[in-house]
Structure formats: structure tokens, C-alpha cells
N, C-alpha and C. Protein backbone atom coordinates (compact mmCIF):
# COMPACT_ATOMS: atom_id res chain seq x y z
N MET A 1 -78.67 -6.86 -17.50
CA MET A 1 -78.21 -5.91 -18.41
C MET A 1 -79.43 -5.06 -18.96
N ARG A 2 -80.54 -5.70 -19.09
CA ARG A 2 -81.73 -4.95 -19.59
C ARG A 2 -82.17 -3.88 -18.75
N SER A 3 -82.07 -4.06 -17.41
CA SER A 3 -82.58 -3.08 -16.42
C SER A 3 -81.60 -1.87 -16.48
N GLY A 4 -80.29 -2.13 -16.73
CA GLY A 4 -79.32 -1.00 -16.86
C GLY A 4 -79.71 -0.16 -18.10
N LEU A 5 -80.12 -0.80 -19.15
CA LEU A 5 -80.51 -0.01 -20.38
C LEU A 5 -81.74 0.88 -20.11
N VAL A 6 -82.72 0.28 -19.33
CA VAL A 6 -83.94 1.02 -19.02
C VAL A 6 -83.59 2.20 -18.18
N VAL A 7 -82.70 2.06 -17.16
CA VAL A 7 -82.32 3.17 -16.38
C VAL A 7 -81.67 4.31 -17.16
N LEU A 8 -80.78 3.84 -18.03
CA LEU A 8 -80.08 4.82 -18.90
C LEU A 8 -81.03 5.56 -19.83
N GLU A 9 -82.09 4.86 -20.37
CA GLU A 9 -83.16 5.50 -21.22
C GLU A 9 -83.93 6.48 -20.45
N VAL A 10 -84.31 6.14 -19.15
CA VAL A 10 -85.08 7.08 -18.39
C VAL A 10 -84.26 8.31 -17.96
N VAL A 11 -83.00 8.10 -17.58
CA VAL A 11 -82.18 9.26 -17.25
C VAL A 11 -81.98 10.18 -18.43
N THR A 12 -81.79 9.57 -19.58
CA THR A 12 -81.59 10.38 -20.85
C THR A 12 -82.82 11.13 -21.11
N GLY A 13 -83.99 10.53 -20.90
CA GLY A 13 -85.28 11.31 -21.11
C GLY A 13 -85.43 12.39 -20.13
N VAL A 14 -85.06 12.20 -18.92
CA VAL A 14 -85.16 13.28 -17.87
C VAL A 14 -84.31 14.40 -18.28
N VAL A 15 -83.05 14.20 -18.67
CA VAL A 15 -82.12 15.17 -19.04
C VAL A 15 -82.63 16.03 -20.28
N ILE A 16 -83.18 15.35 -21.25
CA ILE A 16 -83.69 16.02 -22.38
C ILE A 16 -84.88 16.91 -21.99
N LEU A 17 -85.77 16.42 -21.20
CA LEU A 17 -86.93 17.18 -20.76
C LEU A 17 -86.49 18.41 -19.93
N ALA A 18 -85.46 18.21 -19.02
CA ALA A 18 -85.02 19.29 -18.21
C ALA A 18 -84.41 20.34 -19.03
N SER A 19 -83.62 19.95 -20.08
CA SER A 19 -82.98 20.95 -20.90
C SER A 19 -83.98 21.75 -21.69
N CYS A 20 -85.13 21.27 -21.96
CA CYS A 20 -86.16 21.88 -22.74
C CYS A 20 -87.04 22.83 -21.79
N SER A 21 -86.92 22.71 -20.55
CA SER A 21 -87.91 23.37 -19.68
C SER A 21 -87.49 24.74 -19.24
N ASN A 22 -86.26 25.22 -19.46
CA ASN A 22 -85.82 26.50 -19.02
C ASN A 22 -86.65 27.60 -19.65
N SER A 23 -86.99 28.62 -18.91
CA SER A 23 -87.64 29.73 -19.35
C SER A 23 -86.76 30.59 -20.22
N THR A 24 -87.30 31.30 -21.11
CA THR A 24 -86.51 32.19 -21.97
C THR A 24 -86.87 33.66 -21.63
N SER A 25 -87.62 33.81 -20.55
CA SER A 25 -88.02 35.23 -20.19
C SER A 25 -86.78 35.88 -19.63
N PRO A 26 -86.71 37.25 -19.77
CA PRO A 26 -85.51 37.95 -19.33
C PRO A 26 -85.19 37.81 -17.91
N ASN A 27 -86.21 37.60 -17.04
CA ASN A 27 -85.96 37.60 -15.56
C ASN A 27 -85.83 36.14 -15.06
N GLY A 28 -85.65 35.22 -15.96
CA GLY A 28 -85.43 33.83 -15.48
C GLY A 28 -86.75 33.06 -15.20
N GLY A 29 -87.89 33.76 -15.46
CA GLY A 29 -89.08 32.98 -15.26
C GLY A 29 -89.54 32.96 -13.78
N GLY A 30 -88.78 33.52 -12.89
CA GLY A 30 -89.12 33.59 -11.46
C GLY A 30 -88.78 32.25 -10.76
N SER A 31 -88.09 31.41 -11.51
CA SER A 31 -87.80 30.09 -10.90
C SER A 31 -86.38 30.15 -10.35
N ASN A 32 -85.99 29.12 -9.55
CA ASN A 32 -84.68 29.07 -9.01
C ASN A 32 -83.80 28.07 -9.79
N THR A 33 -84.26 27.76 -11.04
CA THR A 33 -83.44 26.85 -11.93
C THR A 33 -82.77 27.54 -13.05
N GLY A 34 -82.69 28.84 -13.08
CA GLY A 34 -82.07 29.52 -14.16
C GLY A 34 -82.95 29.82 -15.37
N GLY A 35 -82.35 30.36 -16.37
CA GLY A 35 -83.17 30.59 -17.51
C GLY A 35 -82.86 32.00 -18.11
N HIS A 36 -81.62 32.24 -18.52
CA HIS A 36 -81.25 33.35 -19.28
C HIS A 36 -81.47 34.77 -18.55
N SER A 37 -81.19 34.79 -17.27
CA SER A 37 -81.33 36.05 -16.54
C SER A 37 -80.02 36.79 -16.60
N THR A 38 -80.04 38.11 -16.49
CA THR A 38 -78.86 38.82 -16.37
C THR A 38 -78.80 39.49 -15.05
N THR A 39 -79.74 39.17 -14.18
CA THR A 39 -79.74 39.75 -12.76
C THR A 39 -79.89 38.60 -11.77
N ILE A 40 -79.04 38.51 -10.82
CA ILE A 40 -79.06 37.50 -9.78
C ILE A 40 -79.26 38.18 -8.50
N THR A 41 -80.29 37.77 -7.77
CA THR A 41 -80.66 38.37 -6.42
C THR A 41 -79.78 37.72 -5.36
N VAL A 42 -79.26 38.55 -4.51
CA VAL A 42 -78.42 38.10 -3.44
C VAL A 42 -79.23 38.38 -2.13
N SER A 43 -79.62 37.26 -1.41
CA SER A 43 -80.42 37.45 -0.23
C SER A 43 -80.60 36.10 0.54
N ASP A 44 -80.87 36.25 1.80
CA ASP A 44 -81.20 35.02 2.61
C ASP A 44 -80.19 33.89 2.39
N ASN A 45 -78.95 34.24 2.28
CA ASN A 45 -77.89 33.25 2.09
C ASN A 45 -78.04 32.44 0.83
N THR A 46 -78.59 33.02 -0.21
CA THR A 46 -78.77 32.37 -1.51
C THR A 46 -78.52 33.38 -2.62
N PHE A 47 -78.14 32.75 -3.81
CA PHE A 47 -78.09 33.51 -5.07
C PHE A 47 -79.27 32.91 -5.83
N GLN A 48 -80.11 33.81 -6.47
CA GLN A 48 -81.28 33.29 -7.23
C GLN A 48 -81.37 34.08 -8.55
N PRO A 49 -81.46 33.50 -9.65
CA PRO A 49 -81.55 32.06 -9.82
C PRO A 49 -80.07 31.44 -9.97
N THR A 50 -79.98 30.21 -9.68
CA THR A 50 -78.74 29.44 -9.90
C THR A 50 -79.15 27.99 -10.04
N PRO A 51 -78.59 27.31 -10.96
CA PRO A 51 -77.75 27.76 -12.01
C PRO A 51 -78.47 28.74 -13.01
N ASP A 52 -77.75 29.47 -13.80
CA ASP A 52 -78.32 30.37 -14.76
C ASP A 52 -77.56 30.35 -16.05
N THR A 53 -78.22 30.57 -17.14
CA THR A 53 -77.57 30.58 -18.45
C THR A 53 -77.78 31.96 -19.10
N VAL A 54 -76.69 32.49 -19.59
CA VAL A 54 -76.76 33.74 -20.39
C VAL A 54 -75.97 33.66 -21.65
N ALA A 55 -76.19 34.58 -22.52
CA ALA A 55 -75.53 34.59 -23.77
C ALA A 55 -74.07 35.12 -23.70
N ILE A 56 -73.22 34.71 -24.69
CA ILE A 56 -71.89 35.12 -24.68
C ILE A 56 -71.77 36.59 -24.78
N GLY A 57 -70.93 37.23 -23.97
CA GLY A 57 -70.75 38.63 -24.03
C GLY A 57 -71.69 39.41 -23.09
N SER A 58 -72.58 38.64 -22.38
CA SER A 58 -73.47 39.24 -21.36
C SER A 58 -72.69 39.73 -20.10
N THR A 59 -73.24 40.68 -19.49
CA THR A 59 -72.81 41.06 -18.09
C THR A 59 -73.90 40.58 -17.21
N VAL A 60 -73.58 40.19 -15.94
CA VAL A 60 -74.55 39.72 -15.00
C VAL A 60 -74.48 40.69 -13.83
N THR A 61 -75.52 41.12 -13.35
CA THR A 61 -75.59 41.98 -12.24
C THR A 61 -76.13 41.18 -11.03
N PHE A 62 -75.41 41.25 -9.99
CA PHE A 62 -75.80 40.66 -8.69
C PHE A 62 -76.40 41.82 -7.85
N SER A 63 -77.69 41.71 -7.53
CA SER A 63 -78.41 42.77 -6.81
C SER A 63 -78.78 42.34 -5.37
N TRP A 64 -78.34 43.12 -4.45
CA TRP A 64 -78.57 42.76 -3.04
C TRP A 64 -80.03 43.10 -2.75
N ALA A 65 -80.74 42.19 -2.10
CA ALA A 65 -82.11 42.43 -1.67
C ALA A 65 -82.10 43.40 -0.56
N PRO A 66 -83.19 44.20 -0.41
CA PRO A 66 -83.34 45.17 0.68
C PRO A 66 -83.17 44.43 2.05
N ASN A 67 -82.54 45.10 3.02
CA ASN A 67 -82.38 44.55 4.34
C ASN A 67 -81.53 43.31 4.35
N SER A 68 -80.68 43.17 3.39
CA SER A 68 -79.87 41.95 3.35
C SER A 68 -78.67 41.98 4.34
N VAL A 69 -78.20 40.89 4.77
CA VAL A 69 -76.97 40.91 5.57
C VAL A 69 -75.81 41.02 4.60
N SER A 70 -74.62 41.09 5.09
CA SER A 70 -73.42 41.20 4.26
C SER A 70 -73.17 39.90 3.46
N HIS A 71 -72.87 40.06 2.17
CA HIS A 71 -72.54 38.94 1.26
C HIS A 71 -71.47 39.47 0.38
N ASN A 72 -70.80 38.53 -0.40
CA ASN A 72 -69.96 38.90 -1.47
C ASN A 72 -70.04 37.90 -2.57
N VAL A 73 -69.44 38.14 -3.73
CA VAL A 73 -69.33 37.24 -4.87
C VAL A 73 -67.89 36.97 -5.14
N THR A 74 -67.43 35.77 -4.85
CA THR A 74 -66.09 35.33 -5.09
C THR A 74 -66.09 34.13 -6.03
N TRP A 75 -65.25 34.42 -7.07
CA TRP A 75 -65.24 33.41 -8.24
C TRP A 75 -64.40 32.31 -7.93
N ASP A 76 -64.81 31.04 -8.18
CA ASP A 76 -64.07 29.85 -8.05
C ASP A 76 -63.43 29.37 -9.27
N ALA A 77 -64.18 29.43 -10.42
CA ALA A 77 -63.68 28.89 -11.69
C ALA A 77 -64.45 29.49 -12.82
N GLY A 78 -63.81 29.42 -13.99
CA GLY A 78 -64.38 29.92 -15.24
C GLY A 78 -63.38 30.14 -16.26
N PRO A 79 -63.76 30.35 -17.47
CA PRO A 79 -62.83 30.61 -18.60
C PRO A 79 -62.04 31.85 -18.33
N THR A 80 -62.61 32.82 -17.66
CA THR A 80 -61.94 34.03 -17.28
C THR A 80 -62.26 34.24 -15.80
N THR A 81 -61.53 35.10 -15.09
CA THR A 81 -61.85 35.31 -13.69
C THR A 81 -62.26 36.79 -13.52
N PRO A 82 -63.59 36.97 -13.42
CA PRO A 82 -64.03 38.33 -13.14
C PRO A 82 -63.56 38.77 -11.76
N PRO A 83 -63.45 40.08 -11.58
CA PRO A 83 -63.07 40.59 -10.16
C PRO A 83 -64.12 40.17 -9.19
N ASN A 84 -63.68 39.87 -7.95
CA ASN A 84 -64.60 39.52 -6.87
C ASN A 84 -65.30 40.84 -6.46
N SER A 85 -66.54 40.75 -5.92
CA SER A 85 -67.17 41.87 -5.43
C SER A 85 -66.66 42.22 -4.00
N ALA A 86 -66.98 43.40 -3.64
CA ALA A 86 -66.70 43.80 -2.18
C ALA A 86 -67.80 43.08 -1.32
N THR A 87 -67.55 43.00 -0.09
CA THR A 87 -68.50 42.53 0.87
C THR A 87 -69.51 43.70 1.16
N MET A 88 -70.75 43.45 0.94
CA MET A 88 -71.74 44.53 1.12
C MET A 88 -73.07 44.04 1.46
N SER A 89 -73.94 44.92 2.00
CA SER A 89 -75.30 44.43 2.33
C SER A 89 -76.36 45.14 1.54
N SER A 90 -75.91 46.07 0.63
CA SER A 90 -76.89 46.75 -0.28
C SER A 90 -76.12 47.10 -1.61
N GLY A 91 -76.90 47.38 -2.62
CA GLY A 91 -76.30 47.84 -3.84
C GLY A 91 -76.27 46.75 -4.85
N ALA A 92 -75.27 46.79 -5.79
CA ALA A 92 -75.16 45.85 -6.85
C ALA A 92 -73.69 45.71 -7.27
N TYR A 93 -73.48 44.62 -7.91
CA TYR A 93 -72.11 44.37 -8.47
C TYR A 93 -72.38 43.76 -9.88
N THR A 94 -71.75 44.32 -10.88
CA THR A 94 -71.85 43.81 -12.29
C THR A 94 -70.55 43.29 -12.81
N THR A 95 -70.67 42.14 -13.41
CA THR A 95 -69.46 41.57 -14.03
C THR A 95 -69.09 42.21 -15.35
N PRO A 96 -67.84 42.08 -15.74
CA PRO A 96 -67.56 42.45 -17.15
C PRO A 96 -68.20 41.50 -18.09
N ALA A 97 -68.17 41.72 -19.32
CA ALA A 97 -68.70 40.83 -20.35
C ALA A 97 -68.09 39.38 -20.12
N LEU A 98 -68.92 38.37 -20.18
CA LEU A 98 -68.44 37.01 -19.91
C LEU A 98 -68.20 36.20 -21.15
N ASP A 99 -67.10 35.49 -21.21
CA ASP A 99 -66.80 34.56 -22.35
C ASP A 99 -67.54 33.26 -22.08
N ALA A 100 -67.67 32.49 -23.20
CA ALA A 100 -68.34 31.14 -23.16
C ALA A 100 -67.70 30.24 -22.15
N GLY A 101 -68.50 29.52 -21.46
CA GLY A 101 -68.05 28.58 -20.44
C GLY A 101 -68.88 28.53 -19.20
N THR A 102 -68.42 27.77 -18.20
CA THR A 102 -69.17 27.64 -16.94
C THR A 102 -68.32 28.36 -15.82
N TYR A 103 -69.00 29.22 -15.12
CA TYR A 103 -68.41 30.05 -14.04
C TYR A 103 -69.11 29.57 -12.72
N THR A 104 -68.29 29.35 -11.69
CA THR A 104 -68.83 29.03 -10.36
C THR A 104 -68.32 30.10 -9.42
N TYR A 105 -69.14 30.37 -8.41
CA TYR A 105 -68.92 31.42 -7.40
C TYR A 105 -69.53 31.05 -6.03
N HIS A 106 -69.06 31.79 -5.08
CA HIS A 106 -69.70 31.59 -3.74
C HIS A 106 -69.53 32.89 -2.93
N CYS A 107 -70.19 32.88 -1.76
CA CYS A 107 -70.07 33.94 -0.82
C CYS A 107 -69.11 33.48 0.22
N THR A 108 -67.98 34.14 0.49
CA THR A 108 -67.02 33.59 1.49
C THR A 108 -67.59 33.62 2.90
N ILE A 109 -68.49 34.44 3.16
CA ILE A 109 -69.08 34.45 4.54
C ILE A 109 -70.02 33.32 4.78
N HIS A 110 -70.77 32.90 3.75
CA HIS A 110 -71.85 31.88 3.95
C HIS A 110 -71.64 30.66 3.12
N VAL A 111 -70.39 30.37 2.76
CA VAL A 111 -70.10 29.17 1.90
C VAL A 111 -70.53 27.92 2.72
N ALA A 112 -70.37 27.89 4.05
CA ALA A 112 -70.69 26.71 4.80
C ALA A 112 -72.18 26.46 4.83
N LEU A 113 -73.03 27.51 4.48
CA LEU A 113 -74.42 27.36 4.37
C LEU A 113 -74.87 27.00 2.95
N GLY A 114 -73.88 26.82 2.11
CA GLY A 114 -74.25 26.35 0.75
C GLY A 114 -74.54 27.58 -0.22
N MET A 115 -74.04 28.81 0.25
CA MET A 115 -74.23 29.94 -0.66
C MET A 115 -73.26 29.93 -1.83
N GLN A 116 -73.69 29.34 -2.87
CA GLN A 116 -72.79 29.24 -4.07
C GLN A 116 -73.68 29.19 -5.32
N GLY A 117 -73.10 29.38 -6.50
CA GLY A 117 -73.88 29.46 -7.68
C GLY A 117 -73.03 29.18 -8.84
N THR A 118 -73.79 29.04 -10.01
CA THR A 118 -73.17 28.68 -11.33
C THR A 118 -73.79 29.50 -12.47
N ILE A 119 -72.95 30.04 -13.29
CA ILE A 119 -73.52 30.72 -14.54
C ILE A 119 -72.92 29.99 -15.73
N VAL A 120 -73.79 29.66 -16.61
CA VAL A 120 -73.32 28.96 -17.86
C VAL A 120 -73.46 30.00 -18.98
N VAL A 121 -72.45 30.29 -19.71
CA VAL A 121 -72.40 31.31 -20.74
C VAL A 121 -72.31 30.57 -22.08
N ARG A 122 -73.29 30.70 -22.98
CA ARG A 122 -73.21 30.05 -24.31
C ARG A 122 -73.89 30.89 -25.35
């Protein structure tokens, strides 16, 4: 029983430390762990950063990297359902203002490669 409590304490400590480590810089701090960005780069079969956290009422712009192959943004779940993006290899797609909650999305072309993401709005 004692070892179970120790594991629980360690896990709790890790979660607390992780929640305090997100950058508050406007571009997400350049990491792939999120951090209040309103721009997500679409390239190399990835969305970066993900997961990401933004303020209630924010819009999020998905910006295709130069020389990108075709990708799209298709919404899986969320408190509202923003329109899906077109499939494109350049340009940008911007969501409408987002309500509080967790949104998940993927690229239908590369979902088998794990191209998916999460935005937390709070």
C-alpha cells in the first residue's frame, strides 16, 4: 500500500511541474508542448505546437509551411465545431473565435501517420 502512495505522490508532482512549465510567450516558446500560441504550423505531417492552450474567444491560425504537401484540418470534437479547412499545400486557415473547452483535430490524409492535435481553450 505504501508503494502505491509513493507512486501517486510522484505522479502528482510531475503533473504539477508540467502544468507550471508552459511558456507564456505569444509563439508558444518554440516548443512542441504548447503554450498559448494562436498560430499552428502545418508541415512534415505534424501540427506544431500541439497540444496548445489559448484564451477564450481566441482564433487560431493554421499556417502551412513553405513547400508543404497537401494537408487539411478536420475537427473531431469540441464544445463547438469550427468548419473544416480545405485540403491545401500553402496558405492559412483561421478558426472562428473558440469557446472554452478541448478541441481535437486531425489531417484526413495523414491520420495514419499520427497527424492530429489538440487545442485547449480556457
